[in-house]
Full PDB file with SEQRES, HELIX, SHEET, SSBOND, CRYST1, ORIGX, SCALE, CONECT and MASTER records, all heavy atoms in Angstrom:
SEQRES   1 A   43  GLY ALA SER LEU GLY VAL GLY VAL TYR LEU SER LEU TRP          
SEQRES   2 A   43  GLY GLY SER ALA TRP ALA VAL ASN ALA TRP LEU GLY LEU          
SEQRES   3 A   43  GLY LEU THR GLY ALA ALA PHE VAL GLY ALA VAL LEU ALA          
SEQRES   4 A   43  VAL VAL LEU THR                                              
HELIX    1 AA1 ALA A    2  LEU A   12  1                                  11    
HELIX    2 AA2 ALA A   17  ASN A   21  1                                   5    
HELIX    3 AA3 ALA A   22  LEU A   24  5                                   3    
HELIX    4 AA4 GLY A   27  LEU A   42  1                                  16    
CRYST1    1.000    1.000    1.000  90.00  90.00  90.00 P 1           1          
ORIGX1      1.000000  0.000000  0.000000        0.00000                         
ORIGX2      0.000000  1.000000  0.000000        0.00000                         
ORIGX3      0.000000  0.000000  1.000000        0.00000                         
SCALE1      1.000000  0.000000  0.000000        0.00000                         
SCALE2      0.000000  1.000000  0.000000        0.00000                         
SCALE3      0.000000  0.000000  1.000000        0.00000                         
ATOM      1  N   GLY A   1      61.038  43.486 101.152  1.00  0.00           N  
ATOM      2  CA  GLY A   1      59.829  44.303 101.052  1.00  0.00           C  
ATOM      3  C   GLY A   1      60.248  45.776 101.584  1.00  0.00           C  
ATOM      4  O   GLY A   1      59.836  46.744 101.160  1.00  0.00           O  
ATOM      5  N   ALA A   2      60.994  45.884 102.759  1.00  0.00           N  
ATOM      6  CA  ALA A   2      61.384  47.143 103.191  1.00  0.00           C  
ATOM      7  C   ALA A   2      62.336  47.723 102.185  1.00  0.00           C  
ATOM      8  O   ALA A   2      62.242  49.101 102.091  1.00  0.00           O  
ATOM      9  CB  ALA A   2      62.163  46.896 104.577  1.00  0.00           C  
ATOM     10  N   SER A   3      63.250  47.136 101.715  1.00  0.00           N  
ATOM     11  CA  SER A   3      64.120  47.662 100.648  1.00  0.00           C  
ATOM     12  C   SER A   3      63.332  48.282  99.401  1.00  0.00           C  
ATOM     13  O   SER A   3      63.651  49.322  99.038  1.00  0.00           O  
ATOM     14  CB  SER A   3      65.154  46.673 100.197  1.00  0.00           C  
ATOM     15  OG  SER A   3      65.885  46.215 101.195  1.00  0.00           O  
ATOM     16  N   LEU A   4      62.413  47.540  98.934  1.00  0.00           N  
ATOM     17  CA  LEU A   4      61.521  48.012  97.905  1.00  0.00           C  
ATOM     18  C   LEU A   4      60.683  49.267  98.238  1.00  0.00           C  
ATOM     19  O   LEU A   4      60.548  50.200  97.531  1.00  0.00           O  
ATOM     20  CB  LEU A   4      60.616  46.830  97.377  1.00  0.00           C  
ATOM     21  CG  LEU A   4      59.627  47.185  96.236  1.00  0.00           C  
ATOM     22  CD1 LEU A   4      60.520  47.649  94.992  1.00  0.00           C  
ATOM     23  CD2 LEU A   4      58.740  46.052  95.925  1.00  0.00           C  
ATOM     24  N   GLY A   5      60.209  49.270  99.499  1.00  0.00           N  
ATOM     25  CA  GLY A   5      59.540  50.489  99.999  1.00  0.00           C  
ATOM     26  C   GLY A   5      60.327  51.612 100.020  1.00  0.00           C  
ATOM     27  O   GLY A   5      59.963  52.720  99.652  1.00  0.00           O  
ATOM     28  N   VAL A   6      61.631  51.497 100.460  1.00  0.00           N  
ATOM     29  CA  VAL A   6      62.535  52.609 100.539  1.00  0.00           C  
ATOM     30  C   VAL A   6      62.835  53.060  99.222  1.00  0.00           C  
ATOM     31  O   VAL A   6      63.024  54.239  98.768  1.00  0.00           O  
ATOM     32  CB  VAL A   6      63.837  52.288 101.351  1.00  0.00           C  
ATOM     33  CG1 VAL A   6      64.805  53.348 101.142  1.00  0.00           C  
ATOM     34  CG2 VAL A   6      63.495  52.212 102.793  1.00  0.00           C  
ATOM     35  N   GLY A   7      63.094  52.065  98.226  1.00  0.00           N  
ATOM     36  CA  GLY A   7      63.503  52.468  96.909  1.00  0.00           C  
ATOM     37  C   GLY A   7      62.376  53.181  96.114  1.00  0.00           C  
ATOM     38  O   GLY A   7      62.697  54.119  95.428  1.00  0.00           O  
ATOM     39  N   VAL A   8      61.196  52.674  96.330  1.00  0.00           N  
ATOM     40  CA  VAL A   8      60.069  53.341  95.638  1.00  0.00           C  
ATOM     41  C   VAL A   8      59.872  54.731  96.345  1.00  0.00           C  
ATOM     42  O   VAL A   8      59.501  55.698  95.536  1.00  0.00           O  
ATOM     43  CB  VAL A   8      58.693  52.598  95.839  1.00  0.00           C  
ATOM     44  CG1 VAL A   8      57.393  53.313  95.445  1.00  0.00           C  
ATOM     45  CG2 VAL A   8      58.849  51.151  95.102  1.00  0.00           C  
ATOM     46  N   TYR A   9      59.860  54.872  97.577  1.00  0.00           N  
ATOM     47  CA  TYR A   9      59.737  56.268  98.226  1.00  0.00           C  
ATOM     48  C   TYR A   9      60.871  57.182  97.644  1.00  0.00           C  
ATOM     49  O   TYR A   9      60.541  58.312  97.361  1.00  0.00           O  
ATOM     50  CB  TYR A   9      59.914  56.130  99.769  1.00  0.00           C  
ATOM     51  CG  TYR A   9      59.908  57.403 100.415  1.00  0.00           C  
ATOM     52  CD1 TYR A   9      58.732  58.101 100.675  1.00  0.00           C  
ATOM     53  CD2 TYR A   9      61.238  58.030 100.937  1.00  0.00           C  
ATOM     54  CE1 TYR A   9      58.748  59.330 101.370  1.00  0.00           C  
ATOM     55  CE2 TYR A   9      61.148  59.143 101.509  1.00  0.00           C  
ATOM     56  CZ  TYR A   9      59.943  59.789 101.770  1.00  0.00           C  
ATOM     57  OH  TYR A   9      59.997  60.998 102.510  1.00  0.00           O  
ATOM     58  N   LEU A  10      62.108  56.851  97.638  1.00  0.00           N  
ATOM     59  CA  LEU A  10      63.162  57.605  97.115  1.00  0.00           C  
ATOM     60  C   LEU A  10      62.988  57.882  95.701  1.00  0.00           C  
ATOM     61  O   LEU A  10      63.247  59.112  95.199  1.00  0.00           O  
ATOM     62  CB  LEU A  10      64.495  56.987  97.415  1.00  0.00           C  
ATOM     63  CG  LEU A  10      64.927  56.943  98.869  1.00  0.00           C  
ATOM     64  CD1 LEU A  10      66.238  56.175  99.050  1.00  0.00           C  
ATOM     65  CD2 LEU A  10      65.008  58.304  99.443  1.00  0.00           C  
ATOM     66  N   SER A  11      62.473  56.960  94.841  1.00  0.00           N  
ATOM     67  CA  SER A  11      62.314  57.305  93.490  1.00  0.00           C  
ATOM     68  C   SER A  11      61.193  58.212  93.237  1.00  0.00           C  
ATOM     69  O   SER A  11      61.393  59.099  92.222  1.00  0.00           O  
ATOM     70  CB  SER A  11      61.981  55.910  92.621  1.00  0.00           C  
ATOM     71  OG  SER A  11      60.760  55.420  93.200  1.00  0.00           O  
ATOM     72  N   LEU A  12      60.250  58.144  94.059  1.00  0.00           N  
ATOM     73  CA  LEU A  12      59.129  59.215  93.867  1.00  0.00           C  
ATOM     74  C   LEU A  12      59.493  60.539  94.265  1.00  0.00           C  
ATOM     75  O   LEU A  12      59.216  61.628  93.629  1.00  0.00           O  
ATOM     76  CB  LEU A  12      57.936  58.778  94.840  1.00  0.00           C  
ATOM     77  CG  LEU A  12      57.172  57.514  94.326  1.00  0.00           C  
ATOM     78  CD1 LEU A  12      56.072  57.166  95.429  1.00  0.00           C  
ATOM     79  CD2 LEU A  12      56.659  57.722  93.079  1.00  0.00           C  
ATOM     80  N   TRP A  13      60.498  60.594  95.275  1.00  0.00           N  
ATOM     81  CA  TRP A  13      60.884  62.050  95.783  1.00  0.00           C  
ATOM     82  C   TRP A  13      62.278  62.351  95.168  1.00  0.00           C  
ATOM     83  O   TRP A  13      62.922  63.344  95.443  1.00  0.00           O  
ATOM     84  CB  TRP A  13      60.952  62.090  97.279  1.00  0.00           C  
ATOM     85  CG  TRP A  13      59.698  62.016  97.934  1.00  0.00           C  
ATOM     86  CD1 TRP A  13      59.091  60.851  98.428  1.00  0.00           C  
ATOM     87  CD2 TRP A  13      58.710  63.054  98.011  1.00  0.00           C  
ATOM     88  NE1 TRP A  13      57.887  61.332  98.983  1.00  0.00           N  
ATOM     89  CE2 TRP A  13      57.585  62.531  98.694  1.00  0.00           C  
ATOM     90  CE3 TRP A  13      58.644  64.451  97.531  1.00  0.00           C  
ATOM     91  CZ2 TRP A  13      56.477  63.307  98.780  1.00  0.00           C  
ATOM     92  CZ3 TRP A  13      57.656  65.210  97.914  1.00  0.00           C  
ATOM     93  CH2 TRP A  13      56.473  64.642  98.507  1.00  0.00           C  
ATOM     94  N   GLY A  14      62.726  61.558  94.263  1.00  0.00           N  
ATOM     95  CA  GLY A  14      63.996  61.759  93.525  1.00  0.00           C  
ATOM     96  C   GLY A  14      65.401  61.727  94.339  1.00  0.00           C  
ATOM     97  O   GLY A  14      66.369  62.203  93.875  1.00  0.00           O  
ATOM     98  N   GLY A  15      65.303  61.107  95.520  1.00  0.00           N  
ATOM     99  CA  GLY A  15      66.428  60.987  96.303  1.00  0.00           C  
ATOM    100  C   GLY A  15      66.881  62.349  96.792  1.00  0.00           C  
ATOM    101  O   GLY A  15      68.071  62.520  97.006  1.00  0.00           O  
ATOM    102  N   SER A  16      65.952  63.260  96.969  1.00  0.00           N  
ATOM    103  CA  SER A  16      66.262  64.659  97.359  1.00  0.00           C  
ATOM    104  C   SER A  16      66.758  64.630  98.936  1.00  0.00           C  
ATOM    105  O   SER A  16      66.647  63.641  99.550  1.00  0.00           O  
ATOM    106  CB  SER A  16      65.120  65.479  97.363  1.00  0.00           C  
ATOM    107  OG  SER A  16      64.037  65.040  98.110  1.00  0.00           O  
ATOM    108  N   ALA A  17      67.397  65.723  99.179  1.00  0.00           N  
ATOM    109  CA  ALA A  17      67.866  65.857 100.652  1.00  0.00           C  
ATOM    110  C   ALA A  17      66.654  65.891 101.540  1.00  0.00           C  
ATOM    111  O   ALA A  17      66.796  65.317 102.647  1.00  0.00           O  
ATOM    112  CB  ALA A  17      68.704  67.109 100.830  1.00  0.00           C  
ATOM    113  N   TRP A  18      65.511  66.387 101.068  1.00  0.00           N  
ATOM    114  CA  TRP A  18      64.361  66.401 101.988  1.00  0.00           C  
ATOM    115  C   TRP A  18      64.008  65.067 102.304  1.00  0.00           C  
ATOM    116  O   TRP A  18      63.561  64.533 103.407  1.00  0.00           O  
ATOM    117  CB  TRP A  18      63.323  67.113 101.367  1.00  0.00           C  
ATOM    118  CG  TRP A  18      61.957  67.196 102.209  1.00  0.00           C  
ATOM    119  CD1 TRP A  18      61.714  67.967 103.237  1.00  0.00           C  
ATOM    120  CD2 TRP A  18      60.930  66.276 102.178  1.00  0.00           C  
ATOM    121  NE1 TRP A  18      60.519  67.745 103.733  1.00  0.00           N  
ATOM    122  CE2 TRP A  18      59.958  66.649 103.181  1.00  0.00           C  
ATOM    123  CE3 TRP A  18      60.597  65.134 101.359  1.00  0.00           C  
ATOM    124  CZ2 TRP A  18      58.801  65.936 103.381  1.00  0.00           C  
ATOM    125  CZ3 TRP A  18      59.512  64.436 101.516  1.00  0.00           C  
ATOM    126  CH2 TRP A  18      58.516  64.836 102.546  1.00  0.00           C  
ATOM    127  N   ALA A  19      63.886  64.099 101.165  1.00  0.00           N  
ATOM    128  CA  ALA A  19      63.505  62.753 101.362  1.00  0.00           C  
ATOM    129  C   ALA A  19      64.401  62.009 102.278  1.00  0.00           C  
ATOM    130  O   ALA A  19      63.884  61.203 103.040  1.00  0.00           O  
ATOM    131  CB  ALA A  19      63.473  62.062  99.939  1.00  0.00           C  
ATOM    132  N   VAL A  20      65.702  62.134 102.176  1.00  0.00           N  
ATOM    133  CA  VAL A  20      66.582  61.476 103.069  1.00  0.00           C  
ATOM    134  C   VAL A  20      66.424  62.013 104.499  1.00  0.00           C  
ATOM    135  O   VAL A  20      66.455  61.124 105.444  1.00  0.00           O  
ATOM    136  CB  VAL A  20      68.108  61.664 102.572  1.00  0.00           C  
ATOM    137  CG1 VAL A  20      68.996  60.979 103.536  1.00  0.00           C  
ATOM    138  CG2 VAL A  20      68.162  61.129 101.134  1.00  0.00           C  
ATOM    139  N   ASN A  21      66.337  63.232 104.686  1.00  0.00           N  
ATOM    140  CA  ASN A  21      66.146  63.713 105.962  1.00  0.00           C  
ATOM    141  C   ASN A  21      64.756  63.326 106.685  1.00  0.00           C  
ATOM    142  O   ASN A  21      64.645  63.235 107.873  1.00  0.00           O  
ATOM    143  CB  ASN A  21      66.158  65.284 106.071  1.00  0.00           C  
ATOM    144  CG  ASN A  21      67.593  65.809 105.809  1.00  0.00           C  
ATOM    145  OD1 ASN A  21      68.592  65.114 106.039  1.00  0.00           O  
ATOM    146  ND2 ASN A  21      67.710  66.947 105.135  1.00  0.00           N  
ATOM    147  N   ALA A  22      63.834  62.898 105.763  1.00  0.00           N  
ATOM    148  CA  ALA A  22      62.631  62.461 106.298  1.00  0.00           C  
ATOM    149  C   ALA A  22      62.739  61.184 107.074  1.00  0.00           C  
ATOM    150  O   ALA A  22      61.684  60.795 107.787  1.00  0.00           O  
ATOM    151  CB  ALA A  22      61.602  62.321 105.121  1.00  0.00           C  
ATOM    152  N   TRP A  23      63.719  60.528 107.003  1.00  0.00           N  
ATOM    153  CA  TRP A  23      64.005  59.235 107.813  1.00  0.00           C  
ATOM    154  C   TRP A  23      63.872  59.623 109.216  1.00  0.00           C  
ATOM    155  O   TRP A  23      63.433  58.773 110.106  1.00  0.00           O  
ATOM    156  CB  TRP A  23      65.469  58.809 107.591  1.00  0.00           C  
ATOM    157  CG  TRP A  23      65.472  57.273 107.952  1.00  0.00           C  
ATOM    158  CD1 TRP A  23      64.668  56.571 108.709  1.00  0.00           C  
ATOM    159  CD2 TRP A  23      66.731  56.492 107.662  1.00  0.00           C  
ATOM    160  NE1 TRP A  23      65.266  55.301 108.807  1.00  0.00           N  
ATOM    161  CE2 TRP A  23      66.443  55.306 108.213  1.00  0.00           C  
ATOM    162  CE3 TRP A  23      67.818  56.623 107.025  1.00  0.00           C  
ATOM    163  CZ2 TRP A  23      67.278  54.189 108.155  1.00  0.00           C  
ATOM    164  CZ3 TRP A  23      68.807  55.573 106.907  1.00  0.00           C  
ATOM    165  CH2 TRP A  23      68.457  54.387 107.529  1.00  0.00           C  
ATOM    166  N   LEU A  24      64.030  60.876 109.645  1.00  0.00           N  
ATOM    167  CA  LEU A  24      63.837  61.270 111.067  1.00  0.00           C  
ATOM    168  C   LEU A  24      62.351  61.323 111.403  1.00  0.00           C  
ATOM    169  O   LEU A  24      62.014  61.350 112.597  1.00  0.00           O  
ATOM    170  CB  LEU A  24      64.427  62.657 111.214  1.00  0.00           C  
ATOM    171  CG  LEU A  24      65.994  62.840 111.049  1.00  0.00           C  
ATOM    172  CD1 LEU A  24      66.346  64.226 111.172  1.00  0.00           C  
ATOM    173  CD2 LEU A  24      66.744  61.998 112.085  1.00  0.00           C  
ATOM    174  N   GLY A  25      61.499  61.326 110.435  1.00  0.00           N  
ATOM    175  CA  GLY A  25      60.158  61.441 110.638  1.00  0.00           C  
ATOM    176  C   GLY A  25      59.489  60.160 110.163  1.00  0.00           C  
ATOM    177  O   GLY A  25      59.713  59.067 110.498  1.00  0.00           O  
ATOM    178  N   LEU A  26      58.394  60.325 109.277  1.00  0.00           N  
ATOM    179  CA  LEU A  26      57.537  59.243 108.875  1.00  0.00           C  
ATOM    180  C   LEU A  26      58.019  58.818 107.366  1.00  0.00           C  
ATOM    181  O   LEU A  26      57.329  57.984 106.727  1.00  0.00           O  
ATOM    182  CB  LEU A  26      56.189  59.597 108.883  1.00  0.00           C  
ATOM    183  CG  LEU A  26      55.678  59.837 110.309  1.00  0.00           C  
ATOM    184  CD1 LEU A  26      54.118  60.320 110.116  1.00  0.00           C  
ATOM    185  CD2 LEU A  26      55.717  58.596 111.129  1.00  0.00           C  
ATOM    186  N   GLY A  27      58.995  59.442 106.722  1.00  0.00           N  
ATOM    187  CA  GLY A  27      59.341  59.166 105.443  1.00  0.00           C  
ATOM    188  C   GLY A  27      59.829  57.779 105.167  1.00  0.00           C  
ATOM    189  O   GLY A  27      59.170  56.839 104.902  1.00  0.00           O  
ATOM    190  N   LEU A  28      61.199  57.702 105.180  1.00  0.00           N  
ATOM    191  CA  LEU A  28      61.808  56.372 104.960  1.00  0.00           C  
ATOM    192  C   LEU A  28      61.364  55.293 105.894  1.00  0.00           C  
ATOM    193  O   LEU A  28      61.200  54.087 105.690  1.00  0.00           O  
ATOM    194  CB  LEU A  28      63.293  56.457 104.916  1.00  0.00           C  
ATOM    195  CG  LEU A  28      63.864  57.303 103.835  1.00  0.00           C  
ATOM    196  CD1 LEU A  28      65.518  57.260 103.942  1.00  0.00           C  
ATOM    197  CD2 LEU A  28      63.485  56.620 102.487  1.00  0.00           C  
ATOM    198  N   THR A  29      61.101  55.686 107.222  1.00  0.00           N  
ATOM    199  CA  THR A  29      60.647  54.891 108.298  1.00  0.00           C  
ATOM    200  C   THR A  29      59.366  54.144 107.943  1.00  0.00           C  
ATOM    201  O   THR A  29      59.189  52.974 108.030  1.00  0.00           O  
ATOM    202  CB  THR A  29      60.651  55.586 109.543  1.00  0.00           C  
ATOM    203  OG1 THR A  29      61.882  56.019 109.988  1.00  0.00           O  
ATOM    204  CG2 THR A  29      60.160  54.621 110.685  1.00  0.00           C  
ATOM    205  N   GLY A  30      58.328  55.037 107.554  1.00  0.00           N  
ATOM    206  CA  GLY A  30      57.064  54.534 107.196  1.00  0.00           C  
ATOM    207  C   GLY A  30      57.061  53.668 105.917  1.00  0.00           C  
ATOM    208  O   GLY A  30      56.475  52.589 105.803  1.00  0.00           O  
ATOM    209  N   ALA A  31      57.961  54.113 104.965  1.00  0.00           N  
ATOM    210  CA  ALA A  31      58.062  53.370 103.608  1.00  0.00           C  
ATOM    211  C   ALA A  31      58.514  51.871 103.869  1.00  0.00           C  
ATOM    212  O   ALA A  31      58.085  50.927 103.428  1.00  0.00           O  
ATOM    213  CB  ALA A  31      58.891  54.082 102.774  1.00  0.00           C  
ATOM    214  N   ALA A  32      59.717  51.899 104.785  1.00  0.00           N  
ATOM    215  CA  ALA A  32      60.311  50.594 105.044  1.00  0.00           C  
ATOM    216  C   ALA A  32      59.282  49.605 105.802  1.00  0.00           C  
ATOM    217  O   ALA A  32      59.168  48.565 105.599  1.00  0.00           O  
ATOM    218  CB  ALA A  32      61.585  50.826 105.814  1.00  0.00           C  
ATOM    219  N   PHE A  33      58.655  50.262 106.730  1.00  0.00           N  
ATOM    220  CA  PHE A  33      57.590  49.478 107.584  1.00  0.00           C  
ATOM    221  C   PHE A  33      56.513  48.921 106.753  1.00  0.00           C  
ATOM    222  O   PHE A  33      56.155  47.618 106.756  1.00  0.00           O  
ATOM    223  CB  PHE A  33      57.097  50.130 108.688  1.00  0.00           C  
ATOM    224  CG  PHE A  33      56.217  49.428 109.814  1.00  0.00           C  
ATOM    225  CD1 PHE A  33      56.699  48.533 110.671  1.00  0.00           C  
ATOM    226  CD2 PHE A  33      54.936  49.529 109.533  1.00  0.00           C  
ATOM    227  CE1 PHE A  33      55.953  47.848 111.477  1.00  0.00           C  
ATOM    228  CE2 PHE A  33      54.088  48.754 110.507  1.00  0.00           C  
ATOM    229  CZ  PHE A  33      54.557  47.893 111.364  1.00  0.00           C  
ATOM    230  N   VAL A  34      55.925  49.763 105.846  1.00  0.00           N  
ATOM    231  CA  VAL A  34      54.745  49.414 105.074  1.00  0.00           C  
ATOM    232  C   VAL A  34      55.302  48.277 104.029  1.00  0.00           C  
ATOM    233  O   VAL A  34      54.601  47.302 103.772  1.00  0.00           O  
ATOM    234  CB  VAL A  34      54.200  50.476 104.330  1.00  0.00           C  
ATOM    235  CG1 VAL A  34      53.223  50.048 103.272  1.00  0.00           C  
ATOM    236  CG2 VAL A  34      53.587  51.491 105.324  1.00  0.00           C  
ATOM    237  N   GLY A  35      56.540  48.416 103.559  1.00  0.00           N  
ATOM    238  CA  GLY A  35      57.045  47.519 102.583  1.00  0.00           C  
ATOM    239  C   GLY A  35      57.219  46.203 103.156  1.00  0.00           C  
ATOM    240  O   GLY A  35      56.988  45.109 102.622  1.00  0.00           O  
ATOM    241  N   ALA A  36      57.765  46.130 104.425  1.00  0.00           N  
ATOM    242  CA  ALA A  36      58.106  44.845 105.108  1.00  0.00           C  
ATOM    243  C   ALA A  36      56.747  44.254 105.420  1.00  0.00           C  
ATOM    244  O   ALA A  36      56.637  42.834 105.236  1.00  0.00           O  
ATOM    245  CB  ALA A  36      58.811  45.094 106.395  1.00  0.00           C  
ATOM    246  N   VAL A  37      55.759  44.875 105.980  1.00  0.00           N  
ATOM    247  CA  VAL A  37      54.422  44.369 106.214  1.00  0.00           C  
ATOM    248  C   VAL A  37      53.738  43.697 105.010  1.00  0.00           C  
ATOM    249  O   VAL A  37      53.201  42.552 105.070  1.00  0.00           O  
ATOM    250  CB  VAL A  37      53.598  45.217 106.903  1.00  0.00           C  
ATOM    251  CG1 VAL A  37      52.220  44.645 107.163  1.00  0.00           C  
ATOM    252  CG2 VAL A  37      54.158  45.612 108.325  1.00  0.00           C  
ATOM    253  N   LEU A  38      53.788  44.454 103.820  1.00  0.00           N  
ATOM    254  CA  LEU A  38      53.204  44.018 102.649  1.00  0.00           C  
ATOM    255  C   LEU A  38      53.842  42.814 102.105  1.00  0.00           C  
ATOM    256  O   LEU A  38      53.229  41.861 101.541  1.00  0.00           O  
ATOM    257  CB  LEU A  38      53.124  45.217 101.686  1.00  0.00           C  
ATOM    258  CG  LEU A  38      52.316  46.278 101.923  1.00  0.00           C  
ATOM    259  CD1 LEU A  38      52.391  47.458 100.765  1.00  0.00           C  
ATOM    260  CD2 LEU A  38      50.758  45.865 102.016  1.00  0.00           C  
ATOM    261  N   ALA A  39      55.146  42.717 102.231  1.00  0.00           N  
ATOM    262  CA  ALA A  39      55.951  41.571 101.687  1.00  0.00           C  
ATOM    263  C   ALA A  39      55.541  40.265 102.494  1.00  0.00           C  
ATOM    264  O   ALA A  39      55.332  39.241 101.984  1.00  0.00           O  
ATOM    265  CB  ALA A  39      57.436  41.787 101.954  1.00  0.00           C  
ATOM    266  N   VAL A  40      55.264  40.466 103.840  1.00  0.00           N  
ATOM    267  CA  VAL A  40      54.852  39.353 104.625  1.00  0.00           C  
ATOM    268  C   VAL A  40      53.471  38.874 104.312  1.00  0.00           C  
ATOM    269  O   VAL A  40      53.157  37.641 104.277  1.00  0.00           O  
ATOM    270  CB  VAL A  40      54.923  39.689 106.135  1.00  0.00           C  
ATOM    271  CG1 VAL A  40      54.342  38.490 107.010  1.00  0.00           C  
ATOM    272  CG2 VAL A  40      56.394  39.899 106.605  1.00  0.00           C  
ATOM    273  N   VAL A  41      52.566  39.900 104.036  1.00  0.00           N  
ATOM    274  CA  VAL A  41      51.214  39.517 103.700  1.00  0.00           C  
ATOM    275  C   VAL A  41      51.283  38.777 102.281  1.00  0.00           C  
ATOM    276  O   VAL A  41      50.561  37.831 102.040  1.00  0.00           O  
ATOM    277  CB  VAL A  41      50.421  40.871 103.490  1.00  0.00           C  
ATOM    278  CG1 VAL A  41      49.086  40.666 102.858  1.00  0.00           C  
ATOM    279  CG2 VAL A  41      50.253  41.548 104.823  1.00  0.00           C  
ATOM    280  N   LEU A  42      52.098  39.304 101.452  1.00  0.00           N  
ATOM    281  CA  LEU A  42      52.234  38.640 100.073  1.00  0.00           C  
ATOM    282  C   LEU A  42      52.731  37.128 100.310  1.00  0.00           C  
ATOM    283  O   LEU A  42      52.275  36.191  99.629  1.00  0.00           O  
ATOM    284  CB  LEU A  42      53.152  39.352  99.104  1.00  0.00           C  
ATOM    285  CG  LEU A  42      53.462  38.739  97.830  1.00  0.00           C  
ATOM    286  CD1 LEU A  42      52.175  38.551  96.976  1.00  0.00           C  
ATOM    287  CD2 LEU A  42      54.448  39.564  97.042  1.00  0.00           C  
ATOM    288  N   THR A  43      53.723  36.930 101.233  1.00  0.00           N  
ATOM    289  CA  THR A  43      54.101  35.653 101.572  1.00  0.00           C  
ATOM    290  C   THR A  43      53.045  34.722 102.085  1.00  0.00           C  
ATOM    291  O   THR A  43      52.793  33.550 101.690  1.00  0.00           O  
ATOM    292  CB  THR A  43      55.195  35.714 102.503  1.00  0.00           C  
ATOM    293  OG1 THR A  43      56.342  36.382 102.051  1.00  0.00           O  
ATOM    294  CG2 THR A  43      55.679  34.215 103.053  1.00  0.00           C  
TER     295      THR A  43                                                      
MASTER        0    0    0    4    0    0    0    6  294    1    0    4          
END                                                                             
């Protein structure tokens, strides 16, 4: 779920440098956390 969240986030932002640097903030971090939680909820 976390991998899918990161993949969807990067695909939406095109894998840009801004998107990658957003890991320092709420970008990839938030996408990974939301993806992991949603996967557990689906389980």
